[in-house]
Amino acid sequence: MAIRVLVADDQQMVRTGFRMIVDSQPDMAVVGEAADGAEAVALARRLRPDVCLFDIRMPKMDGLEATRALAGPGVPDPPRIVIVTTFDMDEYVYGALRGGAAGFLLKDSGPALLVEAVRAAASGGSLVSLSTVKTHLGSVHRKLATRNRVETAAWAWESGLMT
């Protein structure tokens, strides 16, 4: 049985690209497309896709609000949602994951990572892209005034966070 995917993005070209990538996989199929967050929520409730690919910035309801509506705390039987966006900002990542998203992916990550994210979400796993992880590491380095992961690990050791 194919993984059923809903694509929500306010840009037609992005939706078309995601459809082409997903539909090219033998085990996946796009079952619906939405141009705004409110339409995405309505379609997700009606179509019951396995995985939703949501942009963050959409009209009527943004992707974070749509994610909370469909997969937030207390929502029964939520779909798996992957946020796919151009905005690699910490507050978006945290908001997405707190809101119930299974993953967060940048649009420039490429088709292979998009397919991997859909499969991971469908199987109950999650995916946060490598560039997102690097961004968070950069934030940690700035906050701790460290230059690399070794210095960050040393800081954690010296601070008693690691034994």
C-alpha atoms as a PDB file:
ATOM      1  CA  MET A   1       0.000   0.000   0.000  1.00  0.00           C
ATOM      2  CA  ALA A   2       1.370   3.396  -0.986  1.00  0.00           C
ATOM      3  CA  ILE A   3       2.174   6.108   1.544  1.00  0.00           C
ATOM      4  CA  ARG A   4      -0.580   8.704   1.088  1.00  0.00           C
ATOM      5  CA  VAL A   5       0.805  12.265   1.104  1.00  0.00           C
ATOM      6  CA  LEU A   6      -0.878  15.672   1.363  1.00  0.00           C
ATOM      7  CA  VAL A   7       1.135  18.671   0.126  1.00  0.00           C
ATOM      8  CA  ALA A   8       0.389  22.185   1.447  1.00  0.00           C
ATOM      9  CA  ASP A   9       2.289  25.208   0.150  1.00  0.00           C
ATOM     10  CA  ASP A  10       1.049  28.566  -1.109  1.00  0.00           C
ATOM     11  CA  GLN A  11       3.297  28.366  -4.185  1.00  0.00           C
ATOM     12  CA  GLN A  12       1.907  26.252  -7.047  1.00  0.00           C
ATOM     13  CA  MET A  13       5.387  25.526  -8.408  1.00  0.00           C
ATOM     14  CA  VAL A  14       6.530  24.112  -5.065  1.00  0.00           C
ATOM     15  CA  ARG A  15       3.429  21.918  -4.782  1.00  0.00           C
ATOM     16  CA  THR A  16       3.999  20.664  -8.327  1.00  0.00           C
ATOM     17  CA  GLY A  17       7.646  19.891  -7.585  1.00  0.00           C
ATOM     18  CA  PHE A  18       6.790  18.010  -4.393  1.00  0.00           C
ATOM     19  CA  ARG A  19       4.073  16.077  -6.273  1.00  0.00           C
ATOM     20  CA  MET A  20       6.566  15.074  -8.978  1.00  0.00           C
ATOM     21  CA  ILE A  21       9.104  13.904  -6.385  1.00  0.00           C
ATOM     22  CA  VAL A  22       6.585  11.982  -4.274  1.00  0.00           C
ATOM     23  CA  ASP A  23       4.655  10.462  -7.187  1.00  0.00           C
ATOM     24  CA  SER A  24       7.931   9.257  -8.765  1.00  0.00           C
ATOM     25  CA  GLN A  25       8.343   6.843  -5.850  1.00  0.00           C
ATOM     26  CA  PRO A  26       6.721   3.413  -6.277  1.00  0.00           C
ATOM     27  CA  ASP A  27       5.582   3.382  -2.638  1.00  0.00           C
ATOM     28  CA  MET A  28       4.135   6.934  -2.417  1.00  0.00           C
ATOM     29  CA  ALA A  29       1.271   8.953  -3.869  1.00  0.00           C
ATOM     30  CA  VAL A  30       0.077  12.539  -3.412  1.00  0.00           C
ATOM     31  CA  VAL A  31      -3.612  12.368  -2.508  1.00  0.00           C
ATOM     32  CA  GLY A  32      -4.234  16.111  -2.198  1.00  0.00           C
ATOM     33  CA  GLU A  33      -2.816  19.611  -2.460  1.00  0.00           C
ATOM     34  CA  ALA A  34      -3.654  22.755  -0.499  1.00  0.00           C
ATOM     35  CA  ALA A  35      -2.679  26.379  -1.140  1.00  0.00           C
ATOM     36  CA  ASP A  36      -3.230  27.570   2.443  1.00  0.00           C
ATOM     37  CA  GLY A  37      -3.226  26.213   5.971  1.00  0.00           C
ATOM     38  CA  ALA A  38      -6.994  26.208   6.471  1.00  0.00           C
ATOM     39  CA  GLU A  39      -7.484  24.187   3.283  1.00  0.00           C
ATOM     40  CA  ALA A  40      -4.689  21.836   4.394  1.00  0.00           C
ATOM     41  CA  VAL A  41      -6.427  21.127   7.716  1.00  0.00           C
ATOM     42  CA  ALA A  42      -9.767  20.513   6.011  1.00  0.00           C
ATOM     43  CA  LEU A  43      -8.215  18.214   3.391  1.00  0.00           C
ATOM     44  CA  ALA A  44      -6.190  16.307   5.985  1.00  0.00           C
ATOM     45  CA  ARG A  45      -9.296  15.677   8.066  1.00  0.00           C
ATOM     46  CA  ARG A  46     -11.237  14.529   4.999  1.00  0.00           C
ATOM     47  CA  LEU A  47      -8.534  12.523   3.161  1.00  0.00           C
ATOM     48  CA  ARG A  48      -6.667  11.109   6.201  1.00  0.00           C
ATOM     49  CA  PRO A  49      -3.197  11.051   4.545  1.00  0.00           C
ATOM     50  CA  ASP A  50      -0.357   9.132   6.163  1.00  0.00           C
ATOM     51  CA  VAL A  51       2.021  12.099   5.861  1.00  0.00           C
ATOM     52  CA  CYS A  52       1.462  15.830   5.370  1.00  0.00           C
ATOM     53  CA  LEU A  53       4.143  18.109   3.919  1.00  0.00           C
ATOM     54  CA  PHE A  54       3.448  21.643   5.204  1.00  0.00           C
ATOM     55  CA  ASP A  55       5.112  24.949   4.431  1.00  0.00           C
ATOM     56  CA  ILE A  56       5.309  27.348   7.384  1.00  0.00           C
ATOM     57  CA  ARG A  57       4.272  30.615   5.765  1.00  0.00           C
ATOM     58  CA  MET A  58       0.876  30.146   4.145  1.00  0.00           C
ATOM     59  CA  PRO A  59      -2.193  32.389   4.028  1.00  0.00           C
ATOM     60  CA  LYS A  60      -5.279  31.974   6.256  1.00  0.00           C
ATOM     61  CA  MET A  61      -3.449  29.650   8.673  1.00  0.00           C
ATOM     62  CA  ASP A  62       0.298  29.097   8.819  1.00  0.00           C
ATOM     63  CA  GLY A  63       1.863  25.650   8.800  1.00  0.00           C
ATOM     64  CA  LEU A  64       2.640  25.698  12.525  1.00  0.00           C
ATOM     65  CA  GLU A  65      -0.981  26.449  13.427  1.00  0.00           C
ATOM     66  CA  ALA A  66      -2.195  23.799  10.965  1.00  0.00           C
ATOM     67  CA  THR A  67       0.216  21.309  12.534  1.00  0.00           C
ATOM     68  CA  ARG A  68      -1.102  22.052  16.036  1.00  0.00           C
ATOM     69  CA  ALA A  69      -4.690  21.678  14.799  1.00  0.00           C
ATOM     70  CA  LEU A  70      -3.990  18.255  13.296  1.00  0.00           C
ATOM     71  CA  ALA A  71      -1.237  16.781  15.471  1.00  0.00           C
ATOM     72  CA  GLY A  72      -0.995  18.894  18.617  1.00  0.00           C
ATOM     73  CA  PRO A  73      -1.322  17.630  22.179  1.00  0.00           C
ATOM     74  CA  GLY A  74      -4.567  15.783  22.769  1.00  0.00           C
ATOM     75  CA  VAL A  75      -5.472  15.379  19.089  1.00  0.00           C
ATOM     76  CA  PRO A  76      -6.632  11.782  18.522  1.00  0.00           C
ATOM     77  CA  ASP A  77      -5.055   9.776  15.700  1.00  0.00           C
ATOM     78  CA  PRO A  78      -2.926  12.594  14.217  1.00  0.00           C
ATOM     79  CA  PRO A  79      -1.334  12.394  10.777  1.00  0.00           C
ATOM     80  CA  ARG A  80       2.454  12.537  10.579  1.00  0.00           C
ATOM     81  CA  ILE A  81       3.497  16.049   9.546  1.00  0.00           C
ATOM     82  CA  VAL A  82       6.814  17.168   8.073  1.00  0.00           C
ATOM     83  CA  ILE A  83       7.406  20.907   7.894  1.00  0.00           C
ATOM     84  CA  VAL A  84       9.221  21.785   4.653  1.00  0.00           C
ATOM     85  CA  THR A  85      10.311  25.418   4.533  1.00  0.00           C
ATOM     86  CA  THR A  86      12.928  27.901   3.390  1.00  0.00           C
ATOM     87  CA  PHE A  87      13.128  29.400   6.893  1.00  0.00           C
ATOM     88  CA  ASP A  88      15.770  27.717   9.049  1.00  0.00           C
ATOM     89  CA  MET A  89      14.986  29.501  12.294  1.00  0.00           C
ATOM     90  CA  ASP A  90      15.209  27.936  15.759  1.00  0.00           C
ATOM     91  CA  GLU A  91      11.772  29.160  16.815  1.00  0.00           C
ATOM     92  CA  TYR A  92      10.197  27.509  13.750  1.00  0.00           C
ATOM     93  CA  VAL A  93      11.893  24.193  14.463  1.00  0.00           C
ATOM     94  CA  TYR A  94      10.842  24.259  18.123  1.00  0.00           C
ATOM     95  CA  GLY A  95       7.325  25.405  17.263  1.00  0.00           C
ATOM     96  CA  ALA A  96       6.933  22.679  14.669  1.00  0.00           C
ATOM     97  CA  LEU A  97       8.170  19.877  16.896  1.00  0.00           C
ATOM     98  CA  ARG A  98       6.212  21.138  19.932  1.00  0.00           C
ATOM     99  CA  GLY A  99       3.130  21.368  17.729  1.00  0.00           C
ATOM    100  CA  GLY A 100       3.353  17.693  16.822  1.00  0.00           C
ATOM    101  CA  ALA A 101       5.456  17.659  13.630  1.00  0.00           C
ATOM    102  CA  ALA A 102       7.429  14.499  12.953  1.00  0.00           C
ATOM    103  CA  GLY A 103      10.177  16.382  11.124  1.00  0.00           C
ATOM    104  CA  PHE A 104      11.513  19.661   9.829  1.00  0.00           C
ATOM    105  CA  LEU A 105      13.210  19.939   6.462  1.00  0.00           C
ATOM    106  CA  LEU A 106      14.593  22.806   4.423  1.00  0.00           C
ATOM    107  CA  LYS A 107      13.357  23.112   0.851  1.00  0.00           C
ATOM    108  CA  ASP A 108      16.930  23.194  -0.430  1.00  0.00           C
ATOM    109  CA  SER A 109      17.657  19.788   1.146  1.00  0.00           C
ATOM    110  CA  GLY A 110      16.896  18.020  -2.129  1.00  0.00           C
ATOM    111  CA  PRO A 111      14.537  15.320  -3.388  1.00  0.00           C
ATOM    112  CA  ALA A 112      16.306  12.368  -1.739  1.00  0.00           C
ATOM    113  CA  LEU A 113      15.985  13.876   1.734  1.00  0.00           C
ATOM    114  CA  LEU A 114      12.336  14.779   1.098  1.00  0.00           C
ATOM    115  CA  VAL A 115      11.590  11.160   0.194  1.00  0.00           C
ATOM    116  CA  GLU A 116      13.536   9.973   3.229  1.00  0.00           C
ATOM    117  CA  ALA A 117      11.555  12.356   5.464  1.00  0.00           C
ATOM    118  CA  VAL A 118       8.232  11.050   4.115  1.00  0.00           C
ATOM    119  CA  ARG A 119       9.279   7.435   4.664  1.00  0.00           C
ATOM    120  CA  ALA A 120      10.618   8.180   8.162  1.00  0.00           C
ATOM    121  CA  ALA A 121       7.413   9.970   9.145  1.00  0.00           C
ATOM    122  CA  ALA A 122       5.203   7.236   7.689  1.00  0.00           C
ATOM    123  CA  SER A 123       7.041   4.574   9.661  1.00  0.00           C
ATOM    124  CA  GLY A 124       6.662   6.496  12.909  1.00  0.00           C
ATOM    125  CA  GLY A 125      10.141   7.981  12.946  1.00  0.00           C
ATOM    126  CA  SER A 126      11.262  11.543  12.562  1.00  0.00           C
ATOM    127  CA  LEU A 127      13.792  13.541  10.598  1.00  0.00           C
ATOM    128  CA  VAL A 128      15.379  16.904  11.326  1.00  0.00           C
ATOM    129  CA  SER A 129      17.626  17.892   8.456  1.00  0.00           C
ATOM    130  CA  LEU A 130      21.406  18.102   8.705  1.00  0.00           C
ATOM    131  CA  SER A 131      21.391  21.827   7.988  1.00  0.00           C
ATOM    132  CA  THR A 132      18.921  22.324  10.842  1.00  0.00           C
ATOM    133  CA  VAL A 133      21.176  20.374  13.191  1.00  0.00           C
ATOM    134  CA  LYS A 134      24.147  22.489  12.073  1.00  0.00           C
ATOM    135  CA  THR A 135      22.143  25.649  12.743  1.00  0.00           C
ATOM    136  CA  HIS A 136      21.356  24.484  16.271  1.00  0.00           C
ATOM    137  CA  LEU A 137      24.978  23.574  16.889  1.00  0.00           C
ATOM    138  CA  GLY A 138      25.950  27.063  15.717  1.00  0.00           C
ATOM    139  CA  SER A 139      23.486  28.557  18.204  1.00  0.00           C
ATOM    140  CA  VAL A 140      24.967  26.448  21.000  1.00  0.00           C
ATOM    141  CA  HIS A 141      28.503  27.505  20.050  1.00  0.00           C
ATOM    142  CA  ARG A 142      27.514  31.190  20.096  1.00  0.00           C
ATOM    143  CA  LYS A 143      25.722  30.917  23.442  1.00  0.00           C
ATOM    144  CA  LEU A 144      28.606  29.051  25.057  1.00  0.00           C
ATOM    145  CA  ALA A 145      31.345  31.046  23.280  1.00  0.00           C
ATOM    146  CA  THR A 146      32.838  27.819  21.908  1.00  0.00           C
ATOM    147  CA  ARG A 147      34.327  27.387  18.431  1.00  0.00           C
ATOM    148  CA  ASN A 148      33.489  23.752  17.705  1.00  0.00           C
ATOM    149  CA  ARG A 149      31.919  20.543  19.039  1.00  0.00           C
ATOM    150  CA  VAL A 150      35.093  19.550  20.904  1.00  0.00           C
ATOM    151  CA  GLU A 151      35.093  22.815  22.873  1.00  0.00           C
ATOM    152  CA  THR A 152      31.358  22.408  23.509  1.00  0.00           C
ATOM    153  CA  ALA A 153      31.936  18.880  24.840  1.00  0.00           C
ATOM    154  CA  ALA A 154      34.772  20.157  27.013  1.00  0.00           C
ATOM    155  CA  TRP A 155      32.478  22.903  28.347  1.00  0.00           C
ATOM    156  CA  ALA A 156      29.809  20.301  29.159  1.00  0.00           C
ATOM    157  CA  TRP A 157      32.400  18.098  30.925  1.00  0.00           C
ATOM    158  CA  GLU A 158      33.826  21.006  32.948  1.00  0.00           C
ATOM    159  CA  SER A 159      30.311  22.154  33.875  1.00  0.00           C
ATOM    160  CA  GLY A 160      29.423  18.708  35.234  1.00  0.00           C
ATOM    161  CA  LEU A 161      26.815  17.973  32.561  1.00  0.00           C
ATOM    162  CA  MET A 162      28.733  14.879  31.460  1.00  0.00           C
ATOM    163  CA  THR A 163      30.404  12.223  33.557  1.00  0.00           C
END
